[in-house]
Amino acid sequence: MKGSHLFLCLFSMSCWLNLMPTAGNKIFHFGSCKISMSVTEIRSGFTAIKANIQARDPIRTLSILSYPHSLHKVKSSDRCCITHQLFNFYVDKVFKHCKTEDPYVNRKISSIANSFLSMKRKLGQCHEQNKCMCGQESTERFKQILANYEGLNVTSAAIKSLGELDILLDWMEKSR
């Protein structure tokens, strides 16, 4: 009898620990999709290379993510969709074109890219489960971001987008 109580206690504790986010992770609510992620880890990697990346940005008068209303006041129901589109955008377009001659910077970019790839997969699961519906507003906002990106040459656009990563992270944390 004592063994079964001990087993039940250990089993309950194990289940509880599996439901908790890992150290440094926070739960983000993107519409009806809930994702555990460590923005702190991504932000730390980005902060280490931010000055280097932003110094490589030749165009200071244009923003890809901050175009008026690109991420501001996104409805709760559209957050999952636009976040999913942005993670796809960063993985498929931005990180592929952000190579430097500095191995340290490249390792940091690779680490951030791996975190984004993991999030892209998690958001993809929500999308497949129809928890991540795309409304007209999120579609229009993402089209604007893409138009801003495609208005520049590939390398400049990728460097600029990476340099604006703190805008995306701030927005995600605010809308959490």
N, C-alpha and C. Protein backbone atom coordinates (compact mmCIF):
# COMPACT_ATOMS: atom_id res chain seq x y z
N MET A 1 0.82 -1.19 0.00
CA MET A 1 0.00 0.00 0.00
C MET A 1 0.87 1.26 0.00
N LYS A 2 1.94 1.25 0.82
CA LYS A 2 2.81 2.42 0.86
C LYS A 2 3.49 2.64 -0.48
N GLY A 3 3.83 1.55 -1.16
CA GLY A 3 4.48 1.64 -2.46
C GLY A 3 3.59 2.30 -3.50
N SER A 4 2.28 1.99 -3.46
CA SER A 4 1.38 2.57 -4.44
C SER A 4 1.19 4.08 -4.20
N HIS A 5 1.20 4.52 -2.92
CA HIS A 5 1.11 5.95 -2.63
C HIS A 5 2.37 6.67 -3.12
N LEU A 6 3.51 6.05 -2.88
CA LEU A 6 4.77 6.64 -3.33
C LEU A 6 4.80 6.73 -4.86
N PHE A 7 4.37 5.65 -5.52
CA PHE A 7 4.33 5.65 -6.98
C PHE A 7 3.39 6.74 -7.49
N LEU A 8 2.21 6.85 -6.90
CA LEU A 8 1.24 7.87 -7.31
C LEU A 8 1.80 9.27 -7.11
N CYS A 9 2.48 9.48 -5.98
CA CYS A 9 3.08 10.78 -5.70
C CYS A 9 4.17 11.11 -6.73
N LEU A 10 5.05 10.16 -6.99
CA LEU A 10 6.12 10.38 -7.97
C LEU A 10 5.56 10.57 -9.38
N PHE A 11 4.55 9.79 -9.73
CA PHE A 11 3.93 9.92 -11.04
C PHE A 11 3.29 11.30 -11.19
N SER A 12 2.58 11.75 -10.18
CA SER A 12 1.93 13.07 -10.21
C SER A 12 2.96 14.18 -10.35
N MET A 13 4.06 14.05 -9.59
CA MET A 13 5.12 15.06 -9.65
C MET A 13 5.75 15.07 -11.04
N SER A 14 5.95 13.93 -11.62
CA SER A 14 6.54 13.83 -12.96
C SER A 14 5.63 14.50 -13.99
N CYS A 15 4.35 14.24 -13.91
CA CYS A 15 3.40 14.87 -14.85
C CYS A 15 3.39 16.37 -14.68
N TRP A 16 3.41 16.84 -13.45
CA TRP A 16 3.39 18.27 -13.17
C TRP A 16 4.63 18.94 -13.73
N LEU A 17 5.80 18.31 -13.54
CA LEU A 17 7.04 18.89 -14.06
C LEU A 17 7.05 18.93 -15.58
N ASN A 18 6.46 17.94 -16.23
CA ASN A 18 6.42 17.93 -17.69
C ASN A 18 5.53 19.02 -18.26
N LEU A 19 4.55 19.46 -17.48
CA LEU A 19 3.66 20.52 -17.94
C LEU A 19 4.25 21.90 -17.76
N MET A 20 5.22 22.02 -16.88
CA MET A 20 5.82 23.32 -16.62
C MET A 20 6.84 23.66 -17.72
N PRO A 21 6.93 24.94 -18.07
CA PRO A 21 7.95 25.31 -19.06
C PRO A 21 9.34 25.11 -18.47
N THR A 22 10.30 24.86 -19.32
CA THR A 22 11.67 24.68 -18.84
C THR A 22 12.23 26.01 -18.38
N ALA A 23 13.36 25.97 -17.70
CA ALA A 23 13.96 27.17 -17.13
C ALA A 23 14.10 28.26 -18.18
N GLY A 24 13.62 29.45 -17.84
CA GLY A 24 13.73 30.58 -18.75
C GLY A 24 12.60 30.66 -19.77
N ASN A 25 11.83 29.60 -19.90
CA ASN A 25 10.73 29.62 -20.87
C ASN A 25 9.51 30.30 -20.28
N LYS A 26 8.75 30.93 -21.15
CA LYS A 26 7.48 31.54 -20.77
C LYS A 26 6.43 31.00 -21.73
N ILE A 27 5.21 31.00 -21.26
CA ILE A 27 4.10 30.59 -22.12
C ILE A 27 3.57 31.81 -22.85
N PHE A 28 3.50 31.72 -24.16
CA PHE A 28 2.97 32.80 -24.99
C PHE A 28 1.64 32.35 -25.56
N HIS A 29 0.68 33.25 -25.55
CA HIS A 29 -0.65 33.00 -26.11
C HIS A 29 -0.76 33.76 -27.41
N PHE A 30 -0.81 33.02 -28.48
CA PHE A 30 -1.00 33.61 -29.80
C PHE A 30 -2.39 33.18 -30.25
N GLY A 31 -3.39 33.99 -29.94
CA GLY A 31 -4.77 33.57 -30.18
C GLY A 31 -5.06 32.37 -29.30
N SER A 32 -5.55 31.28 -29.88
CA SER A 32 -5.85 30.09 -29.08
C SER A 32 -4.66 29.13 -29.02
N CYS A 33 -3.54 29.52 -29.58
CA CYS A 33 -2.33 28.70 -29.57
C CYS A 33 -1.44 29.12 -28.41
N LYS A 34 -1.02 28.14 -27.61
CA LYS A 34 -0.12 28.41 -26.49
C LYS A 34 1.21 27.73 -26.77
N ILE A 35 2.28 28.53 -26.65
CA ILE A 35 3.63 28.04 -26.97
C ILE A 35 4.56 28.41 -25.82
N SER A 36 5.41 27.46 -25.45
CA SER A 36 6.45 27.72 -24.44
C SER A 36 7.74 28.04 -25.18
N MET A 37 8.35 29.18 -24.83
CA MET A 37 9.60 29.54 -25.48
C MET A 37 10.43 30.45 -24.58
N SER A 38 11.73 30.51 -24.87
CA SER A 38 12.63 31.36 -24.11
C SER A 38 13.03 32.57 -24.95
N VAL A 39 12.30 33.65 -24.76
CA VAL A 39 12.65 34.90 -25.45
C VAL A 39 13.95 35.44 -24.86
N THR A 40 14.18 35.17 -23.58
CA THR A 40 15.39 35.64 -22.92
C THR A 40 16.64 35.11 -23.63
N GLU A 41 16.61 33.85 -23.99
CA GLU A 41 17.74 33.23 -24.69
C GLU A 41 17.95 33.86 -26.06
N ILE A 42 16.86 34.07 -26.79
CA ILE A 42 16.95 34.69 -28.11
C ILE A 42 17.45 36.13 -27.97
N ARG A 43 16.88 36.85 -27.02
CA ARG A 43 17.26 38.25 -26.83
C ARG A 43 18.73 38.36 -26.41
N SER A 44 19.19 37.45 -25.59
CA SER A 44 20.58 37.46 -25.15
C SER A 44 21.52 37.28 -26.34
N GLY A 45 21.20 36.31 -27.20
CA GLY A 45 22.01 36.09 -28.41
C GLY A 45 21.99 37.29 -29.33
N PHE A 46 20.81 37.90 -29.48
CA PHE A 46 20.68 39.06 -30.35
C PHE A 46 21.42 40.26 -29.77
N THR A 47 21.31 40.49 -28.48
CA THR A 47 21.97 41.63 -27.84
C THR A 47 23.48 41.55 -28.04
N ALA A 48 24.02 40.34 -28.03
CA ALA A 48 25.46 40.15 -28.19
C ALA A 48 25.95 40.58 -29.57
N ILE A 49 25.07 40.57 -30.57
CA ILE A 49 25.49 40.91 -31.94
C ILE A 49 24.75 42.12 -32.52
N LYS A 50 23.85 42.70 -31.77
CA LYS A 50 23.00 43.78 -32.27
C LYS A 50 23.82 44.94 -32.87
N ALA A 51 24.79 45.44 -32.14
CA ALA A 51 25.58 46.58 -32.63
C ALA A 51 26.31 46.22 -33.92
N ASN A 52 26.85 45.01 -33.98
CA ASN A 52 27.56 44.54 -35.17
C ASN A 52 26.62 44.49 -36.37
N ILE A 53 25.45 43.91 -36.18
CA ILE A 53 24.48 43.76 -37.26
C ILE A 53 23.95 45.12 -37.70
N GLN A 54 23.57 45.96 -36.75
CA GLN A 54 23.00 47.25 -37.11
C GLN A 54 24.03 48.16 -37.79
N ALA A 55 25.31 47.98 -37.47
CA ALA A 55 26.36 48.76 -38.13
C ALA A 55 26.48 48.37 -39.61
N ARG A 56 26.05 47.17 -39.96
CA ARG A 56 26.10 46.69 -41.35
C ARG A 56 24.90 47.15 -42.17
N ASP A 57 23.91 47.76 -41.52
CA ASP A 57 22.69 48.19 -42.19
C ASP A 57 22.93 49.53 -42.88
N PRO A 58 22.99 49.54 -44.21
CA PRO A 58 23.30 50.78 -44.92
C PRO A 58 22.12 51.76 -45.02
N ILE A 59 20.90 51.28 -44.77
CA ILE A 59 19.72 52.12 -44.95
C ILE A 59 19.05 52.34 -43.59
N ARG A 60 19.23 53.52 -43.04
CA ARG A 60 18.72 53.82 -41.70
C ARG A 60 17.34 54.48 -41.73
N THR A 61 16.87 54.86 -42.89
CA THR A 61 15.62 55.62 -42.98
C THR A 61 14.40 54.74 -43.19
N LEU A 62 14.60 53.45 -43.39
CA LEU A 62 13.50 52.53 -43.68
C LEU A 62 13.46 51.44 -42.63
N SER A 63 12.26 51.01 -42.29
CA SER A 63 12.10 49.89 -41.37
C SER A 63 11.23 48.82 -42.02
N ILE A 64 11.55 47.58 -41.74
CA ILE A 64 10.76 46.48 -42.30
C ILE A 64 9.59 46.15 -41.38
N LEU A 65 9.85 46.06 -40.08
CA LEU A 65 8.81 45.69 -39.12
C LEU A 65 8.06 46.88 -38.53
N SER A 66 8.66 48.04 -38.54
CA SER A 66 8.03 49.20 -37.89
C SER A 66 7.22 50.07 -38.82
N TYR A 67 7.04 49.65 -40.03
CA TYR A 67 6.21 50.44 -40.94
C TYR A 67 4.92 50.74 -40.19
N PRO A 68 4.40 51.93 -40.33
CA PRO A 68 3.22 52.27 -39.53
C PRO A 68 2.19 51.14 -39.49
N HIS A 69 1.94 50.71 -38.30
CA HIS A 69 0.89 49.74 -37.99
C HIS A 69 1.20 48.30 -38.42
N SER A 70 2.44 47.97 -38.76
CA SER A 70 2.75 46.60 -39.16
C SER A 70 2.44 45.61 -38.04
N LEU A 71 2.91 45.89 -36.84
CA LEU A 71 2.67 44.98 -35.72
C LEU A 71 1.82 45.61 -34.61
N HIS A 72 1.51 46.88 -34.75
CA HIS A 72 0.76 47.56 -33.70
C HIS A 72 -0.73 47.19 -33.76
N LYS A 73 -1.30 46.97 -32.61
CA LYS A 73 -2.74 46.72 -32.46
C LYS A 73 -3.23 45.54 -33.29
N VAL A 74 -2.44 44.47 -33.35
CA VAL A 74 -2.88 43.25 -34.01
C VAL A 74 -3.91 42.59 -33.11
N LYS A 75 -5.05 42.23 -33.67
CA LYS A 75 -6.10 41.59 -32.88
C LYS A 75 -5.59 40.26 -32.32
N SER A 76 -6.08 39.91 -31.16
CA SER A 76 -5.68 38.66 -30.50
C SER A 76 -5.88 37.46 -31.43
N SER A 77 -6.98 37.46 -32.16
CA SER A 77 -7.28 36.33 -33.05
C SER A 77 -6.30 36.24 -34.22
N ASP A 78 -5.60 37.34 -34.54
CA ASP A 78 -4.65 37.34 -35.65
C ASP A 78 -3.20 37.14 -35.21
N ARG A 79 -2.94 37.13 -33.91
CA ARG A 79 -1.56 37.04 -33.42
C ARG A 79 -0.88 35.74 -33.83
N CYS A 80 -1.59 34.64 -33.75
CA CYS A 80 -0.99 33.36 -34.12
C CYS A 80 -0.58 33.36 -35.58
N CYS A 81 -1.47 33.82 -36.43
CA CYS A 81 -1.20 33.81 -37.87
C CYS A 81 0.01 34.67 -38.20
N ILE A 82 0.01 35.92 -37.74
CA ILE A 82 1.12 36.81 -38.12
C ILE A 82 2.42 36.34 -37.48
N THR A 83 2.36 35.79 -36.27
CA THR A 83 3.57 35.26 -35.63
C THR A 83 4.11 34.07 -36.43
N HIS A 84 3.21 33.18 -36.85
CA HIS A 84 3.61 32.03 -37.66
C HIS A 84 4.24 32.51 -38.97
N GLN A 85 3.63 33.49 -39.61
CA GLN A 85 4.17 34.02 -40.86
C GLN A 85 5.54 34.67 -40.63
N LEU A 86 5.69 35.38 -39.51
CA LEU A 86 6.97 36.03 -39.22
C LEU A 86 8.08 35.03 -38.93
N PHE A 87 7.76 33.96 -38.20
CA PHE A 87 8.79 32.95 -37.95
C PHE A 87 9.17 32.25 -39.24
N ASN A 88 8.20 31.97 -40.12
CA ASN A 88 8.51 31.41 -41.43
C ASN A 88 9.39 32.37 -42.23
N PHE A 89 9.04 33.63 -42.21
CA PHE A 89 9.78 34.68 -42.90
C PHE A 89 11.23 34.73 -42.43
N TYR A 90 11.44 34.75 -41.11
CA TYR A 90 12.81 34.82 -40.59
C TYR A 90 13.59 33.55 -40.93
N VAL A 91 12.97 32.38 -40.80
CA VAL A 91 13.68 31.13 -41.08
C VAL A 91 13.95 30.99 -42.59
N ASP A 92 12.95 31.26 -43.41
CA ASP A 92 13.06 31.01 -44.85
C ASP A 92 13.77 32.11 -45.64
N LYS A 93 13.72 33.35 -45.15
CA LYS A 93 14.30 34.45 -45.92
C LYS A 93 15.46 35.14 -45.21
N VAL A 94 15.29 35.47 -43.96
CA VAL A 94 16.26 36.34 -43.28
C VAL A 94 17.54 35.60 -42.91
N PHE A 95 17.44 34.56 -42.11
CA PHE A 95 18.65 33.90 -41.60
C PHE A 95 19.51 33.30 -42.71
N LYS A 96 18.90 32.89 -43.79
CA LYS A 96 19.65 32.30 -44.92
C LYS A 96 20.62 33.30 -45.56
N HIS A 97 20.32 34.58 -45.41
CA HIS A 97 21.13 35.60 -46.08
C HIS A 97 21.92 36.46 -45.10
N CYS A 98 22.02 36.02 -43.87
CA CYS A 98 22.78 36.78 -42.85
C CYS A 98 24.07 36.06 -42.50
N LYS A 99 25.01 36.12 -43.39
CA LYS A 99 26.34 35.54 -43.15
C LYS A 99 27.34 36.68 -43.06
N THR A 100 28.23 36.57 -42.08
CA THR A 100 29.27 37.59 -41.94
C THR A 100 30.63 36.90 -41.97
N GLU A 101 31.68 37.69 -41.95
CA GLU A 101 33.03 37.14 -41.90
C GLU A 101 33.45 36.82 -40.45
N ASP A 102 32.59 37.16 -39.49
CA ASP A 102 32.88 36.97 -38.07
C ASP A 102 32.23 35.66 -37.58
N PRO A 103 33.04 34.65 -37.23
CA PRO A 103 32.49 33.36 -36.78
C PRO A 103 31.62 33.48 -35.52
N TYR A 104 31.98 34.39 -34.63
CA TYR A 104 31.19 34.58 -33.41
C TYR A 104 29.78 35.06 -33.76
N VAL A 105 29.69 36.04 -34.63
CA VAL A 105 28.39 36.57 -35.06
C VAL A 105 27.59 35.48 -35.77
N ASN A 106 28.25 34.72 -36.64
CA ASN A 106 27.57 33.64 -37.35
C ASN A 106 27.03 32.58 -36.40
N ARG A 107 27.77 32.26 -35.35
CA ARG A 107 27.29 31.27 -34.36
C ARG A 107 26.06 31.80 -33.63
N LYS A 108 26.06 33.07 -33.29
CA LYS A 108 24.91 33.68 -32.61
C LYS A 108 23.69 33.68 -33.54
N ILE A 109 23.91 34.04 -34.79
CA ILE A 109 22.82 34.02 -35.77
C ILE A 109 22.26 32.61 -35.90
N SER A 110 23.15 31.63 -35.98
CA SER A 110 22.74 30.23 -36.10
C SER A 110 21.93 29.79 -34.88
N SER A 111 22.33 30.20 -33.70
CA SER A 111 21.61 29.84 -32.48
C SER A 111 20.21 30.46 -32.48
N ILE A 112 20.12 31.72 -32.87
CA ILE A 112 18.81 32.39 -32.96
C ILE A 112 17.95 31.70 -34.02
N ALA A 113 18.55 31.37 -35.14
CA ALA A 113 17.82 30.70 -36.22
C ALA A 113 17.28 29.36 -35.76
N ASN A 114 18.06 28.61 -34.99
CA ASN A 114 17.59 27.32 -34.47
C ASN A 114 16.40 27.51 -33.53
N SER A 115 16.44 28.54 -32.70
CA SER A 115 15.30 28.83 -31.81
C SER A 115 14.06 29.17 -32.64
N PHE A 116 14.26 29.96 -33.70
CA PHE A 116 13.14 30.33 -34.56
C PHE A 116 12.59 29.10 -35.30
N LEU A 117 13.47 28.21 -35.72
CA LEU A 117 13.02 26.99 -36.40
C LEU A 117 12.15 26.15 -35.47
N SER A 118 12.55 26.04 -34.23
CA SER A 118 11.76 25.30 -33.24
C SER A 118 10.38 25.93 -33.06
N MET A 119 10.35 27.26 -32.97
CA MET A 119 9.08 27.97 -32.81
C MET A 119 8.23 27.85 -34.08
N LYS A 120 8.87 27.89 -35.21
CA LYS A 120 8.16 27.74 -36.48
C LYS A 120 7.42 26.39 -36.50
N ARG A 121 8.09 25.35 -36.03
CA ARG A 121 7.47 24.02 -35.99
C ARG A 121 6.29 23.98 -35.03
N LYS A 122 6.47 24.58 -33.85
CA LYS A 122 5.38 24.60 -32.86
C LYS A 122 4.18 25.38 -33.39
N LEU A 123 4.43 26.53 -33.99
CA LEU A 123 3.34 27.31 -34.56
C LEU A 123 2.71 26.60 -35.76
N GLY A 124 3.52 25.86 -36.50
CA GLY A 124 3.01 25.06 -37.61
C GLY A 124 2.02 24.01 -37.14
N GLN A 125 2.29 23.41 -35.97
CA GLN A 125 1.36 22.44 -35.40
C GLN A 125 0.03 23.10 -35.05
N CYS A 126 0.10 24.29 -34.48
CA CYS A 126 -1.14 25.03 -34.18
C CYS A 126 -1.89 25.32 -35.47
N HIS A 127 -1.16 25.72 -36.50
CA HIS A 127 -1.76 26.03 -37.79
C HIS A 127 -2.46 24.80 -38.36
N GLU A 128 -1.80 23.64 -38.27
CA GLU A 128 -2.38 22.39 -38.78
C GLU A 128 -3.62 21.98 -38.00
N GLN A 129 -3.68 22.36 -36.72
CA GLN A 129 -4.83 22.01 -35.87
C GLN A 129 -5.93 23.08 -35.96
N ASN A 130 -5.80 23.99 -36.90
CA ASN A 130 -6.76 25.08 -37.10
C ASN A 130 -6.92 25.96 -35.87
N LYS A 131 -5.86 26.11 -35.08
CA LYS A 131 -5.87 27.02 -33.94
C LYS A 131 -5.26 28.36 -34.35
N CYS A 132 -4.84 28.44 -35.58
CA CYS A 132 -4.06 29.59 -36.05
C CYS A 132 -4.65 30.09 -37.36
N MET A 133 -5.80 30.71 -37.27
CA MET A 133 -6.50 31.16 -38.47
C MET A 133 -5.98 32.53 -38.92
N CYS A 134 -5.92 32.71 -40.21
CA CYS A 134 -5.42 33.97 -40.77
C CYS A 134 -6.58 34.82 -41.27
N GLY A 135 -6.76 35.96 -40.63
CA GLY A 135 -7.78 36.90 -41.06
C GLY A 135 -7.19 37.87 -42.08
N GLN A 136 -8.04 38.70 -42.63
CA GLN A 136 -7.60 39.65 -43.64
C GLN A 136 -6.60 40.64 -43.08
N GLU A 137 -6.81 41.08 -41.83
CA GLU A 137 -5.91 42.07 -41.23
C GLU A 137 -4.49 41.53 -41.11
N SER A 138 -4.34 40.31 -40.60
CA SER A 138 -2.98 39.76 -40.45
C SER A 138 -2.34 39.51 -41.81
N THR A 139 -3.13 39.10 -42.77
CA THR A 139 -2.62 38.88 -44.12
C THR A 139 -2.11 40.19 -44.72
N GLU A 140 -2.89 41.25 -44.56
CA GLU A 140 -2.49 42.56 -45.09
C GLU A 140 -1.23 43.09 -44.40
N ARG A 141 -1.16 42.92 -43.10
CA ARG A 141 0.01 43.40 -42.35
C ARG A 141 1.27 42.65 -42.78
N PHE A 142 1.13 41.34 -42.96
CA PHE A 142 2.30 40.57 -43.39
C PHE A 142 2.70 40.93 -44.82
N LYS A 143 1.74 41.19 -45.68
CA LYS A 143 2.05 41.62 -47.05
C LYS A 143 2.85 42.91 -47.03
N GLN A 144 2.52 43.81 -46.10
CA GLN A 144 3.26 45.07 -45.99
C GLN A 144 4.70 44.82 -45.56
N ILE A 145 4.88 43.91 -44.60
CA ILE A 145 6.23 43.56 -44.14
C ILE A 145 7.03 42.96 -45.30
N LEU A 146 6.41 42.06 -46.05
CA LEU A 146 7.08 41.46 -47.22
C LEU A 146 7.42 42.50 -48.28
N ALA A 147 6.52 43.44 -48.51
CA ALA A 147 6.78 44.50 -49.50
C ALA A 147 7.97 45.35 -49.05
N ASN A 148 8.04 45.66 -47.75
CA ASN A 148 9.18 46.42 -47.23
C ASN A 148 10.49 45.64 -47.45
N TYR A 149 10.45 44.33 -47.18
CA TYR A 149 11.62 43.46 -47.33
C TYR A 149 12.03 43.36 -48.80
N GLU A 150 11.07 43.11 -49.66
CA GLU A 150 11.37 42.88 -51.07
C GLU A 150 11.73 44.17 -51.81
N GLY A 151 11.52 45.31 -51.17
CA GLY A 151 11.92 46.57 -51.77
C GLY A 151 13.42 46.82 -51.69
N LEU A 152 14.13 45.98 -50.97
CA LEU A 152 15.58 46.10 -50.82
C LEU A 152 16.27 44.91 -51.47
N ASN A 153 17.59 45.00 -51.67
CA ASN A 153 18.28 43.81 -52.16
C ASN A 153 18.31 42.78 -51.02
N VAL A 154 18.48 41.54 -51.37
CA VAL A 154 18.33 40.43 -50.43
C VAL A 154 19.21 40.56 -49.19
N THR A 155 20.48 40.87 -49.38
CA THR A 155 21.40 40.95 -48.24
C THR A 155 21.05 42.13 -47.33
N SER A 156 20.80 43.28 -47.90
CA SER A 156 20.43 44.46 -47.10
C SER A 156 19.14 44.22 -46.34
N ALA A 157 18.17 43.60 -47.01
CA ALA A 157 16.88 43.32 -46.37
C ALA A 157 17.04 42.33 -45.22
N ALA A 158 17.87 41.32 -45.41
CA ALA A 158 18.09 40.32 -44.37
C ALA A 158 18.79 40.94 -43.16
N ILE A 159 19.82 41.73 -43.41
CA ILE A 159 20.55 42.39 -42.32
C ILE A 159 19.62 43.34 -41.57
N LYS A 160 18.83 44.12 -42.31
CA LYS A 160 17.89 45.05 -41.69
C LYS A 160 16.87 44.28 -40.84
N SER A 161 16.32 43.20 -41.36
CA SER A 161 15.33 42.41 -40.62
C SER A 161 15.94 41.82 -39.36
N LEU A 162 17.16 41.32 -39.46
CA LEU A 162 17.82 40.79 -38.28
C LEU A 162 18.08 41.90 -37.27
N GLY A 163 18.48 43.06 -37.75
CA GLY A 163 18.73 44.20 -36.87
C GLY A 163 17.48 44.70 -36.16
N GLU A 164 16.31 44.36 -36.70
CA GLU A 164 15.04 44.76 -36.11
C GLU A 164 14.42 43.66 -35.25
N LEU A 165 15.18 42.64 -34.96
CA LEU A 165 14.65 41.51 -34.20
C LEU A 165 14.09 41.94 -32.84
N ASP A 166 14.69 42.95 -32.24
CA ASP A 166 14.18 43.40 -30.94
C ASP A 166 12.77 43.97 -31.05
N ILE A 167 12.39 44.51 -32.20
CA ILE A 167 11.02 44.99 -32.41
C ILE A 167 10.05 43.82 -32.33
N LEU A 168 10.40 42.72 -32.99
CA LEU A 168 9.56 41.52 -32.96
C LEU A 168 9.48 40.95 -31.55
N LEU A 169 10.62 40.83 -30.88
CA LEU A 169 10.64 40.27 -29.53
C LEU A 169 9.84 41.14 -28.55
N ASP A 170 9.99 42.45 -28.65
CA ASP A 170 9.22 43.36 -27.79
C ASP A 170 7.73 43.19 -28.03
N TRP A 171 7.34 43.10 -29.29
CA TRP A 171 5.93 42.94 -29.64
C TRP A 171 5.39 41.62 -29.08
N MET A 172 6.16 40.55 -29.23
CA MET A 172 5.72 39.25 -28.71
C MET A 172 5.55 39.30 -27.19
N GLU A 173 6.49 39.92 -26.49
CA GLU A 173 6.40 39.99 -25.04
C GLU A 173 5.24 40.87 -24.58
N LYS A 174 4.98 41.95 -25.31
CA LYS A 174 3.84 42.81 -24.97
C LYS A 174 2.52 42.10 -25.17
N SER A 175 2.43 41.33 -26.21
CA SER A 175 1.15 40.68 -26.54
C SER A 175 0.99 39.34 -25.82
N ARG A 176 1.92 39.02 -24.98
CA ARG A 176 1.90 37.77 -24.23
C ARG A 176 0.74 37.80 -23.30
